Protein backbone atom coordinates (compact mmCIF):
# COMPACT_ATOMS: atom_id res chain seq x y z
CA UNK A 1 -24.29 28.12 76.23
CA UNK A 2 -22.98 30.69 78.46
CA UNK A 3 -19.35 29.76 77.57
CA UNK A 4 -20.27 30.00 73.85
CA UNK A 5 -21.86 33.32 74.27
CA UNK A 6 -18.68 34.73 76.26
CA UNK A 7 -16.26 33.48 73.51
CA UNK A 8 -18.44 35.28 71.00
CA UNK A 9 -17.67 38.50 72.60
CA UNK A 10 -13.86 37.99 72.45
CA UNK A 11 -12.00 39.50 69.46
CA UNK A 12 -9.46 37.14 67.64
CA UNK A 13 -6.54 38.03 69.89
CA UNK A 14 -8.47 37.40 72.96
CA UNK A 15 -9.80 34.23 71.81
CA UNK A 16 -6.48 32.98 70.96
CA UNK A 17 -5.17 33.60 74.44
CA UNK A 18 -8.14 32.22 76.05
CA UNK A 19 -8.44 28.90 74.07
CA UNK A 20 -4.93 28.39 72.68
CA UNK A 21 -2.22 29.20 75.16
CA UNK A 22 1.02 29.90 73.47
CA UNK A 23 2.67 27.48 75.70
CA UNK A 24 0.68 24.63 74.07
CA UNK A 25 1.68 25.54 70.44
CA UNK A 26 3.88 23.18 68.58
CA UNK A 27 6.78 25.52 67.92
CA UNK A 28 7.84 29.08 68.74
CA UNK A 29 6.73 31.87 66.73
CA UNK A 30 9.51 34.39 67.64
CA UNK A 31 11.32 35.85 64.51
CA UNK A 32 14.53 34.34 65.32
CA UNK A 33 13.25 30.91 65.92
CA UNK A 34 10.94 31.09 62.80
CA UNK A 35 14.22 32.23 60.69
CA UNK A 36 16.15 29.24 62.20
CA UNK A 37 13.39 26.80 61.39
CA UNK A 38 12.48 27.87 57.87
CA UNK A 39 16.43 28.07 56.91
CA UNK A 40 16.27 24.26 57.34
CA UNK A 41 13.76 24.02 54.53
CA UNK A 42 10.84 21.49 54.39
CA UNK A 43 11.73 18.15 55.69
CA UNK A 44 10.79 15.03 53.62
CA UNK A 45 8.74 12.52 55.31
CA UNK A 46 9.48 8.85 55.39
CA UNK A 47 6.52 7.76 57.41
CA UNK A 48 5.04 5.84 54.55
CA UNK A 49 8.15 3.81 53.97
CA UNK A 50 8.06 2.76 57.59
CA UNK A 51 4.37 1.86 57.41
CA UNK A 52 4.59 -0.08 54.25
CA UNK A 53 7.73 -1.96 55.25
CA UNK A 54 6.37 -2.97 58.76
CA UNK A 55 2.96 -4.25 57.31
CA UNK A 56 4.45 -6.11 54.63
CA UNK A 57 7.31 -7.69 56.65
CA UNK A 58 4.60 -8.83 59.29
CA UNK A 59 2.16 -10.14 56.50
CA UNK A 60 4.89 -12.12 54.44
CA UNK A 61 6.48 -13.70 57.49
CA UNK A 62 3.03 -14.50 59.09
CA UNK A 63 2.04 -16.31 55.69
CA UNK A 64 5.22 -18.35 55.77
CA UNK A 65 4.81 -19.13 59.39
CA UNK A 66 1.36 -20.21 59.18
CA UNK A 67 1.77 -22.18 56.00
CA UNK A 68 4.66 -24.01 57.34
CA UNK A 69 3.16 -24.85 60.70
CA UNK A 70 0.08 -26.06 58.81
CA UNK A 71 2.33 -28.42 56.75
CA UNK A 72 3.88 -29.84 59.85
CA UNK A 73 7.22 -28.47 59.36
CA UNK A 74 9.89 -28.29 62.20
CA UNK A 75 10.48 -25.12 64.04
CA UNK A 76 13.81 -25.06 62.57
CA UNK A 77 12.81 -25.02 59.08
CA UNK A 78 10.19 -22.34 59.88
CA UNK A 79 12.84 -20.15 61.35
CA UNK A 80 15.31 -20.86 58.39
CA UNK A 81 12.40 -20.01 55.85
CA UNK A 82 11.28 -16.97 57.98
CA UNK A 83 14.95 -15.44 58.21
CA UNK A 84 15.48 -16.11 54.51
CA UNK A 85 12.24 -14.29 53.78
CA UNK A 86 13.15 -11.39 55.97
CA UNK A 87 16.60 -10.89 54.34
CA UNK A 88 15.42 -11.36 50.62
CA UNK A 89 12.16 -9.92 50.64
CA UNK A 90 13.15 -7.14 52.91
CA UNK A 91 16.18 -6.23 50.52
CA UNK A 92 13.70 -6.57 47.53
CA UNK A 93 11.28 -4.02 48.94
CA UNK A 94 14.19 -1.71 49.92
CA UNK A 95 15.68 -1.84 46.39
CA UNK A 96 12.32 -1.16 44.87
CA UNK A 97 11.54 1.77 47.08
CA UNK A 98 15.09 3.29 46.33
CA UNK A 99 14.58 3.01 42.72
CA UNK A 100 10.97 4.41 42.99
CA UNK A 101 12.12 7.38 45.15
CA UNK A 102 15.08 8.16 42.77
CA UNK A 103 12.49 8.10 39.75
CA UNK A 104 10.51 10.59 41.52
CA UNK A 105 13.46 12.74 42.00
CA UNK A 106 14.47 12.48 38.41
CA UNK A 107 10.89 13.23 37.33
CA UNK A 108 10.84 16.53 39.49
CA UNK A 109 14.04 17.64 37.61
CA UNK A 110 12.56 16.88 34.31
CA UNK A 111 9.34 18.80 34.99
CA UNK A 112 11.32 21.60 36.50
CA UNK A 113 13.34 21.83 33.45
CA UNK A 114 10.23 22.05 31.34
CA UNK A 115 8.85 24.83 33.44
CA UNK A 116 12.23 26.69 33.13
CA UNK A 117 12.01 26.47 29.46
CA UNK A 118 8.33 27.43 29.14
CA UNK A 119 9.10 30.60 31.31
CA UNK A 120 11.91 31.61 28.91
CA UNK A 121 10.17 30.87 25.89
CA UNK A 122 6.68 31.81 26.51
CA UNK A 123 6.52 33.81 29.82
CA UNK A 124 2.98 35.56 29.02
CA UNK A 125 1.55 31.82 28.54
CA UNK A 126 2.98 30.85 31.98
CA UNK A 127 1.70 34.24 33.62
CA UNK A 128 -1.61 33.30 32.48
CA UNK A 129 -1.28 29.80 34.07
CA UNK A 130 -0.58 31.64 37.47
CA UNK A 131 -3.25 33.79 36.80
CA UNK A 132 -5.91 30.88 36.41
CA UNK A 133 -4.17 29.13 39.41
CA UNK A 134 -4.77 31.88 41.80
CA UNK A 135 -8.15 32.65 40.22
CA UNK A 136 -9.21 29.17 41.17
CA UNK A 137 -7.95 29.93 44.60
CA UNK A 138 -10.57 32.67 45.05
CA UNK A 139 -8.52 35.90 44.05
CA UNK A 140 -9.99 38.43 41.53
CA UNK A 141 -9.67 41.96 40.31
CA UNK A 142 -6.62 43.80 41.63
CA UNK A 143 -5.85 41.30 44.20
CA UNK A 144 -5.35 38.75 41.45
CA UNK A 145 -3.18 40.70 39.20
CA UNK A 146 -1.14 41.52 42.32
CA UNK A 147 -0.64 37.80 43.03
CA UNK A 148 0.46 37.46 39.64
CA UNK A 149 2.95 40.05 39.52
CA UNK A 150 4.42 39.10 42.83
CA UNK A 151 4.50 35.48 41.93
CA UNK A 152 6.29 36.12 38.49
CA UNK A 153 8.64 38.68 39.72
CA UNK A 154 10.79 35.82 41.34
CA UNK A 155 11.86 32.95 39.05
CA UNK A 156 12.32 30.57 41.80
CA UNK A 157 8.90 31.20 43.50
CA UNK A 158 7.36 31.33 40.02
CA UNK A 159 8.66 27.66 39.29
CA UNK A 160 7.94 26.27 42.73
CA UNK A 161 4.22 27.50 42.41
CA UNK A 162 3.93 25.86 39.13
CA UNK A 163 5.36 22.52 40.43
CA UNK A 164 3.02 22.49 43.10
CA UNK A 165 -0.14 23.53 41.48
CA UNK A 166 0.30 22.09 38.03
CA UNK A 167 2.01 18.86 39.00
CA UNK A 168 1.55 18.26 42.68
CA UNK A 169 5.03 18.37 43.65
CA UNK A 170 6.87 19.89 46.33
CA UNK A 171 10.77 20.78 46.79
CA UNK A 172 11.22 18.50 49.50
CA UNK A 173 12.78 15.52 47.88
CA UNK A 174 12.97 12.16 49.69
CA UNK A 175 16.45 10.74 49.89
CA UNK A 176 16.36 7.51 48.06
CA UNK A 177 18.81 5.59 50.55
CA UNK A 178 16.76 6.80 53.59
CA UNK A 179 13.57 5.54 52.02
CA UNK A 180 15.12 2.11 51.34
CA UNK A 181 16.71 1.99 54.82
CA UNK A 182 13.39 2.81 56.55
CA UNK A 183 11.63 0.21 54.42
CA UNK A 184 14.16 -2.52 55.24
CA UNK A 185 14.30 -1.70 59.12
CA UNK A 186 10.74 -1.74 59.42
CA UNK A 187 10.33 -4.98 57.23
CA UNK A 188 12.75 -6.93 59.28
CA UNK A 189 11.69 -5.42 62.80
CA UNK A 190 8.07 -6.28 62.58
CA UNK A 191 8.37 -9.17 60.22
CA UNK A 192 10.48 -10.82 63.03
CA UNK A 193 7.76 -10.86 65.43
CA UNK A 194 5.86 -13.76 64.06
CA UNK A 195 9.16 -15.79 64.41
CA UNK A 196 9.72 -15.01 68.03
CA UNK A 197 7.90 -18.27 69.32
CA UNK A 198 10.47 -20.25 67.05
CA UNK A 199 13.51 -18.19 68.23
CA UNK A 200 12.85 -18.39 71.90
CA UNK A 201 11.38 -21.92 72.27
CA UNK A 202 7.90 -20.48 72.97
CA UNK A 203 4.65 -22.28 72.10
CA UNK A 204 4.99 -22.48 68.33
CA UNK A 205 1.57 -22.62 66.66
CA UNK A 206 -0.47 -20.69 63.95
CA UNK A 207 -2.70 -19.11 66.81
CA UNK A 208 0.56 -17.85 68.60
CA UNK A 209 1.83 -16.38 65.28
CA UNK A 210 -1.67 -14.78 64.46
CA UNK A 211 -1.53 -13.08 67.94
CA UNK A 212 1.93 -11.77 67.87
CA UNK A 213 1.24 -10.50 64.13
CA UNK A 214 -1.84 -8.88 65.38
CA UNK A 215 0.31 -6.99 68.15
CA UNK A 216 2.92 -6.00 65.51
CA UNK A 217 0.08 -4.42 63.35
CA UNK A 218 -1.33 -2.57 66.44
CA UNK A 219 2.12 -1.41 67.43
CA UNK A 220 2.71 -0.10 63.94
CA UNK A 221 -0.56 1.71 63.91
CA UNK A 222 0.10 3.30 67.48
CA UNK A 223 3.30 4.44 66.25
CA UNK A 224 1.67 6.22 63.41
CA UNK A 225 -0.51 8.15 65.83
CA UNK A 226 2.46 10.21 66.41
CA UNK A 227 1.70 11.91 63.21
CA UNK A 228 -1.96 11.97 63.48
CA UNK A 229 -4.72 13.77 65.41
CA UNK A 230 -6.50 10.53 66.38
CA UNK A 231 -5.61 8.51 69.53
CA UNK A 232 -3.12 5.74 69.56
CA UNK A 233 -5.65 3.29 70.18
CA UNK A 234 -7.65 4.28 67.12
CA UNK A 235 -4.70 4.20 64.80
CA UNK A 236 -3.63 0.83 66.25
CA UNK A 237 -6.92 -0.81 65.71
CA UNK A 238 -7.40 0.39 62.42
CA UNK A 239 -3.90 -0.74 61.35
CA UNK A 240 -4.41 -4.01 63.05
CA UNK A 241 -7.72 -4.52 61.18
CA UNK A 242 -6.20 -3.82 57.89
CA UNK A 243 -3.07 -5.96 58.64
CA UNK A 244 -4.98 -8.80 59.68
CA UNK A 245 -7.21 -8.76 56.55
CA UNK A 246 -3.96 -8.98 54.53
CA UNK A 247 -2.73 -11.66 56.53
CA UNK A 248 -5.98 -13.57 56.50
CA UNK A 249 -5.79 -13.38 52.74
CA UNK A 250 -2.29 -14.63 52.83
CA UNK A 251 -3.24 -17.42 54.99
CA UNK A 252 -6.14 -18.55 53.24
CA UNK A 253 -4.20 -18.54 49.84
CA UNK A 254 -1.54 -20.67 51.39
CA UNK A 255 -4.13 -23.00 52.90
CA UNK A 256 -6.07 -23.41 49.59
CA UNK A 257 -2.78 -24.05 47.59
CA UNK A 258 -1.79 -26.79 50.16
CA UNK A 259 -5.38 -28.26 49.93
CA UNK A 260 -5.03 -28.18 46.11
CA UNK A 261 -1.59 -29.64 45.84
CA UNK A 262 -1.89 -32.05 48.71
């Protein structure tokens, strides 16, 4: 309570210095450092490609391992099927992600061209859109009109604002090839883990594959914690639970088909 009363008496600058030392900030706020950082532009994130590829790789390979061992196939056959899945399905996912990312870029260009045309043909209508965008964000009166005037005085800023507010798109395009490579790499890397017992002559069973697959999911989640405010253990446990649910569905589907077909 005493600490709370003390902090209440501090002004904003003193509070920042007392609670948030500059040395603990994630990056420098010196003018030159800021200019250098902003000059590089916003960086596209490929985290979702990595997570998506890793989870799908582990799930599909686990399903093959569990189904094959349940059918009594030899370790050699399981290994062949698993590797074939890693290469074929991994490439298929990478190709789909490449096409999807490229489609997003093309859609961004299409919508940007629409905004450029509308600004040229109906500028007052576009100004009214900007006015309503900032009105919804809490601006009013003279401040609102000032924001409209400033934003629409620069065509690039005008279009960028419209792209973000109207379409939810930012000017940080993802490189399709990078997205595909991240997906394929994660798919092969984590999808290989359930195959390890069959590769290094370890005890090869569904239970061993299950334990290794759970470990793969936990590793993916722990890695994800680098971009989260949550702990590595929390992210790892959550991803493991989600991944094992997907793996369980794949296993039950395979087991059911095996029992049905005989």
